[in-house]
Amino acid sequence: MASELDTVLRVNLGCGRNILAGWINVDVRALPGVDIVADLDRCREHSLPLADDSVDELLLSHVIEHVREPLALMEDLHRAAKSGARMLIRVPYGSSDDAFEDPTHLRQYFVNSFGYFSQPYYWRADYGYRGDWMTESVTLVVPQQDNVGLSPAEVMAKVMRERNVVTEMIAQLSAVKPIREPRKELQVAPSILVQFE
């Protein structure tokens, strides 16, 4: 008899050389260890080869900032995700030099950017997006030595007025099914955490 753990489907998107054992590793290039070769920029034309409502966990580590059409990708991932599926997104923080210096980075992400992967944020206009991801938390990783003695609130104030405070941002999302209505009152602010490194 198969255990529940055997049925958990985890997908590591845009994995490059970061191959994870026990995960389906997806990349645009057929590198050693890549299980599925797929272009994350083509999700509007070609769905990823993942069955509907099949995925339990997704990882996008320093990937989504390289994607031309993130809404098409997030909608397709929502299709493939089970209700309540977890997604971890790691990106450079939008006001860091890292977010801008890499010529392959197409856009910058900030604390509130992930809300636009949910339906409630589209109460003002309908752009045709039909995914719904609840942003549960956003963690800002900051150097300990640059923030000694500061409270999380003081670090957040510093993040809002200075560049290069955050070395990495980590968002934890979950799939909401069925999708919610595009209504402002359904917007939920995520927990904002500060992690010292």
N, C-alpha and C. Protein backbone atom coordinates (compact mmCIF):
# COMPACT_ATOMS: atom_id res chain seq x y z
N MET A 1 0.84 -1.18 0.00
CA MET A 1 0.00 0.00 0.00
C MET A 1 0.89 1.25 0.00
N ALA A 2 0.61 2.17 -0.92
CA ALA A 2 1.40 3.39 -1.03
C ALA A 2 1.05 4.34 0.11
N SER A 3 2.05 4.98 0.63
CA SER A 3 1.81 5.96 1.70
C SER A 3 1.36 7.28 1.08
N GLU A 4 0.79 8.15 1.90
CA GLU A 4 0.36 9.46 1.43
C GLU A 4 1.54 10.25 0.87
N LEU A 5 2.72 10.07 1.46
CA LEU A 5 3.92 10.77 1.01
C LEU A 5 4.27 10.39 -0.43
N ASP A 6 4.02 9.12 -0.80
CA ASP A 6 4.32 8.67 -2.16
C ASP A 6 3.47 9.39 -3.20
N THR A 7 2.32 9.90 -2.80
CA THR A 7 1.41 10.53 -3.76
C THR A 7 1.60 12.05 -3.84
N VAL A 8 2.50 12.60 -3.05
CA VAL A 8 2.74 14.04 -3.07
C VAL A 8 3.55 14.40 -4.31
N LEU A 9 3.04 15.33 -5.09
CA LEU A 9 3.71 15.75 -6.32
C LEU A 9 4.30 17.14 -6.10
N ARG A 10 5.63 17.23 -6.21
CA ARG A 10 6.36 18.48 -6.03
C ARG A 10 7.04 18.85 -7.34
N VAL A 11 6.95 20.13 -7.70
CA VAL A 11 7.50 20.59 -8.98
C VAL A 11 8.46 21.75 -8.73
N ASN A 12 9.69 21.61 -9.22
CA ASN A 12 10.76 22.60 -9.11
C ASN A 12 10.88 23.26 -10.48
N LEU A 13 10.32 24.46 -10.60
CA LEU A 13 10.24 25.14 -11.90
C LEU A 13 11.45 26.03 -12.16
N GLY A 14 11.93 25.98 -13.40
CA GLY A 14 13.10 26.77 -13.76
C GLY A 14 14.31 26.34 -12.97
N CYS A 15 14.46 25.03 -12.80
CA CYS A 15 15.44 24.48 -11.87
C CYS A 15 16.89 24.73 -12.27
N GLY A 16 17.16 24.83 -13.59
CA GLY A 16 18.55 24.96 -14.02
C GLY A 16 19.36 23.78 -13.51
N ARG A 17 20.46 24.06 -12.84
CA ARG A 17 21.30 22.99 -12.29
C ARG A 17 20.92 22.60 -10.86
N ASN A 18 19.90 23.26 -10.30
CA ASN A 18 19.45 22.99 -8.93
C ASN A 18 18.42 21.85 -8.94
N ILE A 19 18.89 20.64 -9.19
CA ILE A 19 18.04 19.46 -9.28
C ILE A 19 17.71 18.98 -7.88
N LEU A 20 16.42 18.79 -7.59
CA LEU A 20 15.98 18.32 -6.29
C LEU A 20 15.47 16.88 -6.38
N ALA A 21 16.00 16.02 -5.54
CA ALA A 21 15.55 14.63 -5.51
C ALA A 21 14.12 14.58 -4.98
N GLY A 22 13.29 13.74 -5.57
CA GLY A 22 11.91 13.60 -5.15
C GLY A 22 10.98 14.65 -5.73
N TRP A 23 11.50 15.52 -6.56
CA TRP A 23 10.72 16.58 -7.20
C TRP A 23 10.74 16.33 -8.71
N ILE A 24 9.74 16.89 -9.41
CA ILE A 24 9.78 16.95 -10.87
C ILE A 24 10.52 18.24 -11.19
N ASN A 25 11.65 18.12 -11.84
CA ASN A 25 12.50 19.27 -12.15
C ASN A 25 12.21 19.73 -13.57
N VAL A 26 11.84 21.00 -13.71
CA VAL A 26 11.41 21.56 -15.00
C VAL A 26 12.35 22.70 -15.38
N ASP A 27 12.81 22.68 -16.63
CA ASP A 27 13.64 23.78 -17.12
C ASP A 27 13.46 23.91 -18.63
N VAL A 28 13.87 25.04 -19.16
CA VAL A 28 13.77 25.28 -20.60
C VAL A 28 14.85 24.52 -21.37
N ARG A 29 15.90 24.10 -20.66
CA ARG A 29 17.00 23.36 -21.30
C ARG A 29 17.06 21.94 -20.74
N ALA A 30 17.47 21.02 -21.57
CA ALA A 30 17.58 19.61 -21.19
C ALA A 30 18.90 19.36 -20.46
N LEU A 31 19.04 19.95 -19.30
CA LEU A 31 20.23 19.78 -18.48
C LEU A 31 20.16 18.43 -17.77
N PRO A 32 21.29 17.91 -17.30
CA PRO A 32 21.26 16.66 -16.54
C PRO A 32 20.32 16.77 -15.33
N GLY A 33 19.42 15.81 -15.19
CA GLY A 33 18.49 15.78 -14.08
C GLY A 33 17.16 16.45 -14.33
N VAL A 34 17.02 17.18 -15.44
CA VAL A 34 15.75 17.83 -15.77
C VAL A 34 14.77 16.76 -16.25
N ASP A 35 13.59 16.73 -15.63
CA ASP A 35 12.57 15.74 -15.97
C ASP A 35 11.66 16.20 -17.10
N ILE A 36 11.32 17.50 -17.10
CA ILE A 36 10.44 18.07 -18.13
C ILE A 36 11.12 19.28 -18.72
N VAL A 37 11.23 19.30 -20.04
CA VAL A 37 11.75 20.47 -20.74
C VAL A 37 10.53 21.28 -21.19
N ALA A 38 10.40 22.49 -20.68
CA ALA A 38 9.26 23.35 -21.00
C ALA A 38 9.67 24.81 -20.85
N ASP A 39 9.10 25.64 -21.68
CA ASP A 39 9.36 27.08 -21.66
C ASP A 39 8.29 27.77 -20.83
N LEU A 40 8.65 28.30 -19.68
CA LEU A 40 7.70 28.96 -18.80
C LEU A 40 7.13 30.24 -19.41
N ASP A 41 7.79 30.76 -20.44
CA ASP A 41 7.29 31.94 -21.14
C ASP A 41 6.19 31.61 -22.15
N ARG A 42 5.91 30.34 -22.37
CA ARG A 42 4.94 29.94 -23.40
C ARG A 42 3.65 29.36 -22.83
N CYS A 43 3.38 29.61 -21.56
CA CYS A 43 2.21 29.01 -20.91
C CYS A 43 0.89 29.49 -21.49
N ARG A 44 0.87 30.66 -22.10
CA ARG A 44 -0.36 31.14 -22.72
C ARG A 44 -0.72 30.29 -23.93
N GLU A 45 0.30 29.84 -24.68
CA GLU A 45 0.07 29.02 -25.87
C GLU A 45 0.09 27.52 -25.58
N HIS A 46 0.95 27.11 -24.64
CA HIS A 46 1.15 25.68 -24.35
C HIS A 46 1.17 25.47 -22.84
N SER A 47 0.15 24.81 -22.33
CA SER A 47 0.14 24.49 -20.90
C SER A 47 1.31 23.59 -20.56
N LEU A 48 1.79 23.70 -19.35
CA LEU A 48 2.84 22.80 -18.88
C LEU A 48 2.28 21.38 -18.84
N PRO A 49 3.11 20.38 -19.11
CA PRO A 49 2.62 18.99 -19.12
C PRO A 49 2.42 18.44 -17.70
N LEU A 50 1.49 19.08 -16.99
CA LEU A 50 1.11 18.67 -15.64
C LEU A 50 -0.41 18.54 -15.63
N ALA A 51 -0.91 17.46 -15.10
CA ALA A 51 -2.35 17.22 -15.07
C ALA A 51 -3.06 18.25 -14.20
N ASP A 52 -4.30 18.55 -14.52
CA ASP A 52 -5.12 19.44 -13.72
C ASP A 52 -5.22 18.90 -12.29
N ASP A 53 -5.18 19.80 -11.31
CA ASP A 53 -5.38 19.46 -9.89
C ASP A 53 -4.49 18.30 -9.42
N SER A 54 -3.23 18.31 -9.84
CA SER A 54 -2.34 17.19 -9.51
C SER A 54 -1.16 17.57 -8.61
N VAL A 55 -0.81 18.84 -8.54
CA VAL A 55 0.43 19.26 -7.87
C VAL A 55 0.17 19.73 -6.44
N ASP A 56 1.00 19.25 -5.52
CA ASP A 56 0.88 19.61 -4.11
C ASP A 56 1.78 20.76 -3.70
N GLU A 57 2.95 20.86 -4.34
CA GLU A 57 3.94 21.85 -3.91
C GLU A 57 4.73 22.32 -5.13
N LEU A 58 4.99 23.64 -5.16
CA LEU A 58 5.73 24.24 -6.26
C LEU A 58 6.85 25.11 -5.71
N LEU A 59 7.97 25.11 -6.40
CA LEU A 59 9.10 25.96 -6.05
C LEU A 59 9.53 26.75 -7.27
N LEU A 60 9.62 28.07 -7.12
CA LEU A 60 10.17 28.95 -8.15
C LEU A 60 11.26 29.76 -7.46
N SER A 61 12.49 29.28 -7.54
CA SER A 61 13.60 29.94 -6.87
C SER A 61 14.39 30.77 -7.88
N HIS A 62 14.23 32.08 -7.77
CA HIS A 62 14.89 33.03 -8.67
C HIS A 62 14.56 32.70 -10.13
N VAL A 63 13.26 32.59 -10.37
CA VAL A 63 12.74 32.22 -11.69
C VAL A 63 11.77 33.26 -12.23
N ILE A 64 10.77 33.63 -11.42
CA ILE A 64 9.65 34.42 -11.95
C ILE A 64 10.08 35.80 -12.45
N GLU A 65 11.17 36.34 -11.92
CA GLU A 65 11.65 37.64 -12.41
C GLU A 65 12.20 37.56 -13.83
N HIS A 66 12.39 36.33 -14.33
CA HIS A 66 12.88 36.11 -15.70
C HIS A 66 11.74 35.85 -16.69
N VAL A 67 10.51 35.73 -16.20
CA VAL A 67 9.37 35.32 -17.03
C VAL A 67 8.68 36.55 -17.62
N ARG A 68 8.47 36.51 -18.96
CA ARG A 68 7.84 37.63 -19.66
C ARG A 68 6.36 37.79 -19.28
N GLU A 69 5.66 36.68 -19.15
CA GLU A 69 4.22 36.72 -18.86
C GLU A 69 3.93 35.96 -17.57
N PRO A 70 4.22 36.57 -16.42
CA PRO A 70 4.02 35.86 -15.15
C PRO A 70 2.56 35.50 -14.88
N LEU A 71 1.60 36.30 -15.35
CA LEU A 71 0.20 35.96 -15.11
C LEU A 71 -0.19 34.68 -15.85
N ALA A 72 0.29 34.50 -17.07
CA ALA A 72 0.00 33.27 -17.81
C ALA A 72 0.61 32.07 -17.09
N LEU A 73 1.82 32.21 -16.60
CA LEU A 73 2.47 31.13 -15.85
C LEU A 73 1.69 30.81 -14.58
N MET A 74 1.34 31.83 -13.80
CA MET A 74 0.67 31.60 -12.53
C MET A 74 -0.74 31.03 -12.73
N GLU A 75 -1.39 31.40 -13.81
CA GLU A 75 -2.70 30.83 -14.11
C GLU A 75 -2.55 29.35 -14.47
N ASP A 76 -1.54 29.00 -15.26
CA ASP A 76 -1.34 27.60 -15.62
C ASP A 76 -0.94 26.78 -14.41
N LEU A 77 -0.12 27.33 -13.53
CA LEU A 77 0.25 26.62 -12.31
C LEU A 77 -0.97 26.43 -11.41
N HIS A 78 -1.86 27.40 -11.39
CA HIS A 78 -3.10 27.27 -10.63
C HIS A 78 -3.95 26.12 -11.18
N ARG A 79 -4.01 26.00 -12.49
CA ARG A 79 -4.73 24.88 -13.13
C ARG A 79 -4.18 23.55 -12.64
N ALA A 80 -2.87 23.43 -12.60
CA ALA A 80 -2.22 22.17 -12.24
C ALA A 80 -2.22 21.90 -10.73
N ALA A 81 -2.38 22.94 -9.93
CA ALA A 81 -2.30 22.80 -8.47
C ALA A 81 -3.57 22.21 -7.88
N LYS A 82 -3.39 21.43 -6.84
CA LYS A 82 -4.53 20.99 -6.03
C LYS A 82 -5.00 22.17 -5.19
N SER A 83 -6.22 22.14 -4.74
CA SER A 83 -6.70 23.16 -3.82
C SER A 83 -5.82 23.13 -2.57
N GLY A 84 -5.31 24.28 -2.18
CA GLY A 84 -4.44 24.37 -1.01
C GLY A 84 -2.99 24.06 -1.29
N ALA A 85 -2.63 23.76 -2.54
CA ALA A 85 -1.24 23.49 -2.89
C ALA A 85 -0.37 24.66 -2.46
N ARG A 86 0.83 24.36 -2.04
CA ARG A 86 1.76 25.38 -1.54
C ARG A 86 2.74 25.77 -2.64
N MET A 87 3.08 27.06 -2.69
CA MET A 87 4.08 27.56 -3.64
C MET A 87 5.06 28.44 -2.87
N LEU A 88 6.34 28.22 -3.12
CA LEU A 88 7.38 29.05 -2.54
C LEU A 88 8.07 29.78 -3.68
N ILE A 89 8.10 31.10 -3.60
CA ILE A 89 8.75 31.94 -4.62
C ILE A 89 9.88 32.70 -3.95
N ARG A 90 11.08 32.59 -4.50
CA ARG A 90 12.24 33.34 -4.02
C ARG A 90 12.68 34.28 -5.15
N VAL A 91 12.85 35.55 -4.81
CA VAL A 91 13.24 36.56 -5.80
C VAL A 91 14.17 37.59 -5.16
N PRO A 92 14.92 38.31 -5.99
CA PRO A 92 15.62 39.48 -5.43
C PRO A 92 14.58 40.56 -5.13
N TYR A 93 14.79 41.31 -4.08
CA TYR A 93 13.84 42.37 -3.75
C TYR A 93 13.94 43.48 -4.80
N GLY A 94 12.80 44.06 -5.15
CA GLY A 94 12.73 45.02 -6.25
C GLY A 94 13.64 46.21 -6.18
N SER A 95 13.98 46.68 -4.98
CA SER A 95 14.84 47.86 -4.88
C SER A 95 16.30 47.50 -4.62
N SER A 96 16.65 46.26 -4.92
CA SER A 96 18.06 45.86 -4.76
C SER A 96 18.78 45.95 -6.10
N ASP A 97 20.07 46.16 -6.06
CA ASP A 97 20.85 46.18 -7.30
C ASP A 97 20.71 44.86 -8.04
N ASP A 98 20.62 43.75 -7.31
CA ASP A 98 20.48 42.44 -7.93
C ASP A 98 19.26 42.36 -8.83
N ALA A 99 18.17 43.03 -8.45
CA ALA A 99 16.95 43.00 -9.26
C ALA A 99 17.15 43.69 -10.61
N PHE A 100 18.06 44.66 -10.67
CA PHE A 100 18.26 45.45 -11.88
C PHE A 100 19.49 45.07 -12.68
N GLU A 101 20.55 44.65 -12.01
CA GLU A 101 21.83 44.44 -12.71
C GLU A 101 21.81 43.28 -13.69
N ASP A 102 21.11 42.21 -13.36
CA ASP A 102 21.07 41.03 -14.23
C ASP A 102 20.22 41.36 -15.45
N PRO A 103 20.79 41.36 -16.66
CA PRO A 103 20.03 41.72 -17.86
C PRO A 103 18.93 40.72 -18.21
N THR A 104 18.93 39.54 -17.57
CA THR A 104 17.86 38.58 -17.84
C THR A 104 16.65 38.79 -16.93
N HIS A 105 16.77 39.70 -15.94
CA HIS A 105 15.62 40.01 -15.09
C HIS A 105 14.69 40.95 -15.85
N LEU A 106 13.45 40.56 -16.00
CA LEU A 106 12.49 41.33 -16.79
C LEU A 106 11.61 42.25 -15.95
N ARG A 107 11.47 41.95 -14.65
CA ARG A 107 10.64 42.79 -13.78
C ARG A 107 11.11 42.66 -12.34
N GLN A 108 10.68 43.63 -11.55
CA GLN A 108 11.04 43.64 -10.14
C GLN A 108 9.80 43.30 -9.32
N TYR A 109 10.01 42.67 -8.18
CA TYR A 109 8.92 42.30 -7.28
C TYR A 109 9.13 42.93 -5.92
N PHE A 110 7.99 43.34 -5.33
CA PHE A 110 7.98 43.97 -4.02
C PHE A 110 7.01 43.21 -3.12
N VAL A 111 6.88 43.62 -1.88
CA VAL A 111 6.04 42.92 -0.90
C VAL A 111 4.62 42.70 -1.41
N ASN A 112 4.03 43.70 -2.03
CA ASN A 112 2.63 43.59 -2.45
C ASN A 112 2.44 43.02 -3.86
N SER A 113 3.52 42.71 -4.55
CA SER A 113 3.40 42.21 -5.93
C SER A 113 2.64 40.89 -6.01
N PHE A 114 2.79 40.03 -5.01
CA PHE A 114 2.21 38.69 -5.09
C PHE A 114 0.69 38.70 -4.99
N GLY A 115 0.12 39.76 -4.44
CA GLY A 115 -1.34 39.89 -4.38
C GLY A 115 -1.96 39.85 -5.76
N TYR A 116 -1.22 40.27 -6.77
CA TYR A 116 -1.74 40.30 -8.14
C TYR A 116 -1.82 38.91 -8.77
N PHE A 117 -1.42 37.88 -8.02
CA PHE A 117 -1.62 36.51 -8.47
C PHE A 117 -2.91 35.94 -7.88
N SER A 118 -3.69 36.79 -7.20
CA SER A 118 -4.99 36.39 -6.66
C SER A 118 -6.10 37.07 -7.47
N GLN A 119 -7.33 36.59 -7.33
CA GLN A 119 -8.46 37.22 -8.02
C GLN A 119 -8.92 38.52 -7.37
N PRO A 120 -8.98 38.63 -6.05
CA PRO A 120 -9.52 39.85 -5.44
C PRO A 120 -8.83 41.14 -5.89
N TYR A 121 -7.58 41.09 -6.30
CA TYR A 121 -6.86 42.30 -6.71
C TYR A 121 -7.36 42.87 -8.04
N TYR A 122 -8.19 42.12 -8.75
CA TYR A 122 -8.66 42.57 -10.06
C TYR A 122 -10.06 43.17 -10.00
N TRP A 123 -10.41 43.76 -8.86
CA TRP A 123 -11.70 44.41 -8.72
C TRP A 123 -11.79 45.69 -9.56
N ARG A 124 -10.66 46.28 -9.90
CA ARG A 124 -10.66 47.52 -10.69
C ARG A 124 -10.76 47.27 -12.19
N ALA A 125 -10.13 46.19 -12.66
CA ALA A 125 -10.11 45.91 -14.10
C ALA A 125 -9.93 44.41 -14.31
N ASP A 126 -10.47 43.91 -15.41
CA ASP A 126 -10.37 42.49 -15.75
C ASP A 126 -9.34 42.34 -16.87
N TYR A 127 -8.19 41.76 -16.51
CA TYR A 127 -7.14 41.53 -17.49
C TYR A 127 -7.16 40.11 -18.03
N GLY A 128 -8.21 39.36 -17.69
CA GLY A 128 -8.34 38.00 -18.19
C GLY A 128 -7.63 36.95 -17.38
N TYR A 129 -7.01 37.33 -16.28
CA TYR A 129 -6.30 36.37 -15.43
C TYR A 129 -7.31 35.57 -14.62
N ARG A 130 -7.14 34.23 -14.59
CA ARG A 130 -8.09 33.38 -13.88
C ARG A 130 -7.40 32.40 -12.92
N GLY A 131 -6.33 32.84 -12.29
CA GLY A 131 -5.71 32.06 -11.23
C GLY A 131 -6.08 32.68 -9.90
N ASP A 132 -5.79 32.00 -8.80
CA ASP A 132 -6.05 32.59 -7.49
C ASP A 132 -5.10 31.97 -6.46
N TRP A 133 -4.09 32.73 -6.10
CA TRP A 133 -3.10 32.32 -5.11
C TRP A 133 -3.17 33.26 -3.92
N MET A 134 -3.38 32.72 -2.75
CA MET A 134 -3.38 33.50 -1.51
C MET A 134 -1.94 33.66 -1.05
N THR A 135 -1.50 34.91 -0.87
CA THR A 135 -0.16 35.15 -0.33
C THR A 135 -0.25 35.05 1.18
N GLU A 136 0.33 34.00 1.74
CA GLU A 136 0.25 33.79 3.18
C GLU A 136 1.30 34.59 3.93
N SER A 137 2.51 34.61 3.40
CA SER A 137 3.58 35.37 4.06
C SER A 137 4.62 35.82 3.04
N VAL A 138 5.27 36.90 3.38
CA VAL A 138 6.41 37.39 2.61
C VAL A 138 7.52 37.64 3.62
N THR A 139 8.66 36.99 3.39
CA THR A 139 9.81 37.13 4.28
C THR A 139 10.89 37.95 3.58
N LEU A 140 11.36 38.96 4.25
CA LEU A 140 12.45 39.79 3.74
C LEU A 140 13.73 39.38 4.46
N VAL A 141 14.69 38.91 3.71
CA VAL A 141 15.97 38.49 4.28
C VAL A 141 16.91 39.69 4.24
N VAL A 142 17.44 40.05 5.42
CA VAL A 142 18.30 41.22 5.53
C VAL A 142 19.57 40.84 6.28
N PRO A 143 20.70 41.49 5.95
CA PRO A 143 21.95 41.19 6.68
C PRO A 143 21.86 41.65 8.13
N GLN A 144 22.24 40.77 9.03
CA GLN A 144 22.21 41.07 10.48
C GLN A 144 23.12 42.26 10.79
N GLN A 145 24.36 42.26 10.22
CA GLN A 145 25.33 43.29 10.58
C GLN A 145 24.88 44.70 10.20
N ASP A 146 24.01 44.82 9.18
CA ASP A 146 23.54 46.14 8.75
C ASP A 146 22.31 46.61 9.53
N ASN A 147 21.76 45.73 10.37
CA ASN A 147 20.51 46.04 11.04
C ASN A 147 20.53 45.72 12.53
N VAL A 148 21.71 45.72 13.11
CA VAL A 148 21.88 45.40 14.53
C VAL A 148 21.05 46.36 15.38
N GLY A 149 20.27 45.79 16.28
CA GLY A 149 19.50 46.60 17.22
C GLY A 149 18.18 47.12 16.68
N LEU A 150 17.89 46.87 15.41
CA LEU A 150 16.64 47.36 14.83
C LEU A 150 15.52 46.34 15.03
N SER A 151 14.34 46.82 15.32
CA SER A 151 13.16 45.95 15.42
C SER A 151 12.69 45.64 13.99
N PRO A 152 11.86 44.62 13.81
CA PRO A 152 11.31 44.35 12.48
C PRO A 152 10.61 45.58 11.88
N ALA A 153 9.89 46.35 12.70
CA ALA A 153 9.21 47.55 12.21
C ALA A 153 10.24 48.59 11.72
N GLU A 154 11.34 48.72 12.44
CA GLU A 154 12.39 49.66 12.02
C GLU A 154 13.08 49.19 10.74
N VAL A 155 13.25 47.87 10.61
CA VAL A 155 13.82 47.33 9.37
C VAL A 155 12.88 47.62 8.20
N MET A 156 11.57 47.43 8.42
CA MET A 156 10.60 47.70 7.34
C MET A 156 10.63 49.17 6.94
N ALA A 157 10.75 50.07 7.90
CA ALA A 157 10.84 51.49 7.58
C ALA A 157 12.09 51.76 6.74
N LYS A 158 13.17 51.10 7.07
CA LYS A 158 14.43 51.23 6.32
C LYS A 158 14.27 50.69 4.90
N VAL A 159 13.57 49.55 4.77
CA VAL A 159 13.33 48.95 3.45
C VAL A 159 12.55 49.92 2.56
N MET A 160 11.61 50.65 3.15
CA MET A 160 10.77 51.55 2.36
C MET A 160 11.49 52.83 1.93
N ARG A 161 12.59 53.18 2.59
CA ARG A 161 13.25 54.44 2.23
C ARG A 161 14.64 54.27 1.61
N GLU A 162 15.21 53.05 1.69
CA GLU A 162 16.57 52.84 1.18
C GLU A 162 16.61 51.69 0.18
N ARG A 163 17.63 51.70 -0.64
CA ARG A 163 17.88 50.59 -1.57
C ARG A 163 18.84 49.59 -0.92
N ASN A 164 18.84 48.38 -1.46
CA ASN A 164 19.81 47.33 -1.09
C ASN A 164 19.77 46.95 0.39
N VAL A 165 18.60 47.02 1.01
CA VAL A 165 18.44 46.58 2.39
C VAL A 165 18.16 45.08 2.42
N VAL A 166 17.34 44.62 1.48
CA VAL A 166 16.90 43.22 1.43
C VAL A 166 17.76 42.44 0.45
N THR A 167 18.28 41.30 0.89
CA THR A 167 19.10 40.48 -0.01
C THR A 167 18.24 39.48 -0.79
N GLU A 168 17.10 39.08 -0.21
CA GLU A 168 16.20 38.14 -0.90
C GLU A 168 14.81 38.26 -0.30
N MET A 169 13.79 38.04 -1.14
CA MET A 169 12.41 38.02 -0.67
C MET A 169 11.84 36.63 -0.95
N ILE A 170 11.13 36.09 0.04
CA ILE A 170 10.57 34.74 -0.06
C ILE A 170 9.07 34.83 0.20
N ALA A 171 8.28 34.44 -0.78
CA ALA A 171 6.82 34.48 -0.65
C ALA A 171 6.28 33.06 -0.55
N GLN A 172 5.37 32.87 0.39
CA GLN A 172 4.68 31.58 0.55
C GLN A 172 3.22 31.80 0.13
N LEU A 173 2.78 31.05 -0.89
CA LEU A 173 1.44 31.18 -1.42
C LEU A 173 0.71 29.85 -1.34
N SER A 174 -0.62 29.89 -1.43
CA SER A 174 -1.40 28.66 -1.51
C SER A 174 -2.51 28.84 -2.54
N ALA A 175 -2.83 27.75 -3.23
CA ALA A 175 -3.85 27.78 -4.29
C ALA A 175 -5.25 27.83 -3.68
N VAL A 176 -6.05 28.77 -4.15
CA VAL A 176 -7.44 28.89 -3.72
C VAL A 176 -8.33 28.37 -4.84
N LYS A 177 -9.12 27.35 -4.53
CA LYS A 177 -10.06 26.77 -5.50
C LYS A 177 -11.37 26.49 -4.79
N PRO A 178 -12.48 26.87 -5.41
CA PRO A 178 -12.59 27.63 -6.65
C PRO A 178 -12.08 29.06 -6.44
N ILE A 179 -11.80 29.73 -7.55
CA ILE A 179 -11.26 31.08 -7.44
C ILE A 179 -12.30 32.02 -6.82
N ARG A 180 -11.81 32.98 -6.08
CA ARG A 180 -12.68 33.96 -5.45
C ARG A 180 -13.12 35.01 -6.46
N GLU A 181 -14.08 35.81 -6.05
CA GLU A 181 -14.55 36.90 -6.89
C GLU A 181 -13.54 38.05 -6.85
N PRO A 182 -13.48 38.86 -7.92
CA PRO A 182 -12.60 40.03 -7.91
C PRO A 182 -13.24 41.17 -7.13
N ARG A 183 -13.14 41.08 -5.81
CA ARG A 183 -13.74 42.08 -4.93
C ARG A 183 -12.71 42.58 -3.94
N LYS A 184 -12.61 43.89 -3.83
CA LYS A 184 -11.61 44.52 -2.96
C LYS A 184 -11.68 44.02 -1.53
N GLU A 185 -12.89 43.81 -1.01
CA GLU A 185 -13.03 43.39 0.38
C GLU A 185 -12.52 41.97 0.63
N LEU A 186 -12.24 41.22 -0.44
CA LEU A 186 -11.69 39.87 -0.29
C LEU A 186 -10.15 39.86 -0.28
N GLN A 187 -9.54 41.02 -0.54
CA GLN A 187 -8.08 41.09 -0.48
C GLN A 187 -7.60 40.83 0.94
N VAL A 188 -6.57 40.02 1.07
CA VAL A 188 -6.02 39.68 2.37
C VAL A 188 -4.53 40.05 2.37
N ALA A 189 -4.12 40.86 3.32
CA ALA A 189 -2.71 41.25 3.41
C ALA A 189 -1.91 40.08 4.00
N PRO A 190 -0.75 39.79 3.41
CA PRO A 190 0.07 38.69 3.94
C PRO A 190 0.81 39.13 5.21
N SER A 191 1.27 38.15 5.96
CA SER A 191 2.18 38.42 7.07
C SER A 191 3.52 38.82 6.48
N ILE A 192 4.10 39.90 6.97
CA ILE A 192 5.42 40.34 6.54
C ILE A 192 6.41 40.00 7.64
N LEU A 193 7.40 39.20 7.29
CA LEU A 193 8.39 38.76 8.27
C LEU A 193 9.76 39.28 7.88
N VAL A 194 10.61 39.50 8.86
CA VAL A 194 11.99 39.89 8.63
C VAL A 194 12.89 38.76 9.14
N GLN A 195 13.77 38.32 8.29
CA GLN A 195 14.72 37.25 8.66
C GLN A 195 16.13 37.79 8.56
N PHE A 196 16.87 37.70 9.63
CA PHE A 196 18.26 38.18 9.63
C PHE A 196 19.18 37.05 9.19
N GLU A 197 20.14 37.38 8.33
CA GLU A 197 21.13 36.37 7.89
C GLU A 197 22.50 36.74 8.37
